[in-house]
C-alpha atoms as a PDB file:
ATOM      1  CA  MET A   1     -34.639 -77.039  27.287  1.00  0.00           C
ATOM      2  CA  LYS A   2     -37.881 -74.545  28.284  1.00  0.00           C
ATOM      3  CA  ILE A   3     -36.784 -70.714  26.004  1.00  0.00           C
ATOM      4  CA  ASN A   4     -38.612 -68.049  27.531  1.00  0.00           C
ATOM      5  CA  ASN A   5     -39.358 -64.869  26.351  1.00  0.00           C
ATOM      6  CA  GLU A   6     -36.414 -62.816  27.767  1.00  0.00           C
ATOM      7  CA  THR A   7     -34.035 -65.463  26.042  1.00  0.00           C
ATOM      8  CA  SER A   8     -35.907 -65.130  22.340  1.00  0.00           C
ATOM      9  CA  VAL A   9     -35.590 -60.996  23.150  1.00  0.00           C
ATOM     10  CA  LYS A  10     -31.648 -61.293  23.477  1.00  0.00           C
ATOM     11  CA  THR A  11     -31.363 -63.886  20.446  1.00  0.00           C
ATOM     12  CA  ASP A  12     -33.502 -61.323  18.412  1.00  0.00           C
ATOM     13  CA  ILE A  13     -31.282 -58.385  19.613  1.00  0.00           C
ATOM     14  CA  LYS A  14     -28.211 -60.265  19.002  1.00  0.00           C
ATOM     15  CA  THR A  15     -29.544 -61.313  15.420  1.00  0.00           C
ATOM     16  CA  ILE A  16     -30.042 -57.595  14.687  1.00  0.00           C
ATOM     17  CA  GLY A  17     -26.617 -56.456  16.192  1.00  0.00           C
ATOM     18  CA  GLY A  18     -24.919 -59.284  13.631  1.00  0.00           C
ATOM     19  CA  VAL A  19     -27.263 -58.283  10.559  1.00  0.00           C
ATOM     20  CA  VAL A  20     -26.162 -54.069  11.330  1.00  0.00           C
ATOM     21  CA  ILE A  21     -22.796 -55.150  11.706  1.00  0.00           C
ATOM     22  CA  ALA A  22     -22.649 -56.898   8.728  1.00  0.00           C
ATOM     23  CA  VAL A  23     -24.468 -54.003   6.805  1.00  0.00           C
ATOM     24  CA  ALA A  24     -21.773 -51.466   8.215  1.00  0.00           C
ATOM     25  CA  ILE A  25     -18.991 -53.537   7.114  1.00  0.00           C
ATOM     26  CA  SER A  26     -20.592 -53.767   3.479  1.00  0.00           C
ATOM     27  CA  VAL A  27     -21.142 -50.395   2.898  1.00  0.00           C
ATOM     28  CA  TYR A  28     -17.827 -49.443   4.359  1.00  0.00           C
ATOM     29  CA  SER A  29     -16.183 -52.130   1.909  1.00  0.00           C
ATOM     30  CA  TYR A  30     -18.278 -51.115  -1.263  1.00  0.00           C
ATOM     31  CA  PHE A  31     -17.081 -47.216  -0.621  1.00  0.00           C
ATOM     32  CA  THR A  32     -13.483 -48.299  -0.155  1.00  0.00           C
ATOM     33  CA  VAL A  33     -13.342 -50.169  -3.333  1.00  0.00           C
ATOM     34  CA  ILE A  34     -15.300 -47.225  -4.985  1.00  0.00           C
ATOM     35  CA  GLU A  35     -12.750 -44.771  -3.966  1.00  0.00           C
ATOM     36  CA  ARG A  36      -9.789 -47.208  -4.801  1.00  0.00           C
ATOM     37  CA  ILE A  37     -11.546 -47.340  -8.121  1.00  0.00           C
ATOM     38  CA  SER A  38     -11.625 -43.645  -8.785  1.00  0.00           C
ATOM     39  CA  ASN A  39      -7.865 -43.368  -7.527  1.00  0.00           C
ATOM     40  CA  LEU A  40      -6.771 -45.396 -10.314  1.00  0.00           C
ATOM     41  CA  GLU A  41      -8.588 -43.971 -12.863  1.00  0.00           C
ATOM     42  CA  LEU A  42      -7.648 -40.715 -11.827  1.00  0.00           C
ATOM     43  CA  GLN A  43      -4.242 -42.207 -11.540  1.00  0.00           C
ATOM     44  CA  ASP A  44      -4.652 -43.345 -15.591  1.00  0.00           C
ATOM     45  CA  LYS A  45      -6.069 -39.917 -16.477  1.00  0.00           C
ATOM     46  CA  LEU A  46      -2.771 -38.156 -15.415  1.00  0.00           C
ATOM     47  CA  GLN A  47      -0.403 -40.937 -16.488  1.00  0.00           C
ATOM     48  CA  SER A  48      -2.182 -40.550 -19.842  1.00  0.00           C
ATOM     49  CA  ALA A  49      -1.980 -36.398 -19.564  1.00  0.00           C
ATOM     50  CA  ASP A  50       1.741 -37.046 -18.554  1.00  0.00           C
ATOM     51  CA  LEU A  51       2.693 -39.225 -21.606  1.00  0.00           C
ATOM     52  CA  LEU A  52       0.760 -37.201 -23.997  1.00  0.00           C
ATOM     53  CA  LYS A  53       2.780 -34.084 -23.105  1.00  0.00           C
ATOM     54  CA  LYS A  54       5.928 -35.901 -23.342  1.00  0.00           C
ATOM     55  CA  ALA A  55       4.738 -37.015 -26.583  1.00  0.00           C
ATOM     56  CA  GLU A  56       4.006 -33.274 -27.569  1.00  0.00           C
ATOM     57  CA  GLN A  57       7.474 -32.553 -26.706  1.00  0.00           C
ATOM     58  CA  GLU A  58       9.314 -34.887 -28.646  1.00  0.00           C
ATOM     59  CA  PRO A  59       7.830 -35.770 -32.357  1.00  0.00           C
ATOM     60  CA  LYS A  60       9.253 -39.224 -32.125  1.00  0.00           C
ATOM     61  CA  ASN A  61       7.176 -40.108 -29.131  1.00  0.00           C
ATOM     62  CA  LEU A  62       4.435 -38.134 -30.757  1.00  0.00           C
ATOM     63  CA  GLU A  63       4.375 -40.414 -33.822  1.00  0.00           C
ATOM     64  CA  MET A  64       4.656 -43.459 -31.208  1.00  0.00           C
ATOM     65  CA  PHE A  65       1.851 -42.171 -29.456  1.00  0.00           C
ATOM     66  CA  MET A  66      -0.723 -41.447 -32.526  1.00  0.00           C
ATOM     67  CA  LEU A  67       0.204 -44.621 -33.733  1.00  0.00           C
ATOM     68  CA  ILE A  68      -0.506 -46.671 -30.495  1.00  0.00           C
ATOM     69  CA  GLU A  69      -3.535 -44.434 -30.084  1.00  0.00           C
ATOM     70  CA  HIS A  70      -4.751 -45.544 -33.752  1.00  0.00           C
ATOM     71  CA  LEU A  71      -4.200 -48.823 -32.842  1.00  0.00           C
ATOM     72  CA  SER A  72      -5.909 -48.962 -29.691  1.00  0.00           C
ATOM     73  CA  GLY A  73      -9.078 -47.492 -31.916  1.00  0.00           C
ATOM     74  CA  GLN A  74      -8.774 -50.292 -34.543  1.00  0.00           C
ATOM     75  CA  ILE A  75      -8.510 -52.851 -31.724  1.00  0.00           C
ATOM     76  CA  GLU A  76     -11.671 -51.303 -30.260  1.00  0.00           C
ATOM     77  CA  LYS A  77     -13.617 -51.771 -33.388  1.00  0.00           C
ATOM     78  CA  LEU A  78     -12.873 -55.384 -34.175  1.00  0.00           C
ATOM     79  CA  ARG A  79     -13.746 -55.581 -30.130  1.00  0.00           C
ATOM     80  CA  ASN A  80     -16.972 -54.175 -31.106  1.00  0.00           C
ATOM     81  CA  GLY A  81     -17.823 -55.853 -34.280  1.00  0.00           C
ATOM     82  CA  ASN A  82     -17.439 -52.931 -36.534  1.00  0.00           C
ATOM     83  CA  HIS A  83     -14.809 -53.440 -38.958  1.00  0.00           C
END
């Protein structure tokens, strides 16, 4: 099978086109994931703020919230090796 210059150019264009499409899909996927992570972080912050607001309104909940925060801090210290 003889390959001429025209076939080679068509192959190069197809390869470049495939790479461009792959890069575009990768960039789109990356930013979609970043957006989803940002939305989850925002939802988490809003939920924490809502829990704190509820806890401040009810003393029993505030005590529980403070206990959870204390225990979370202790767990984080243990994870980091700070006893």
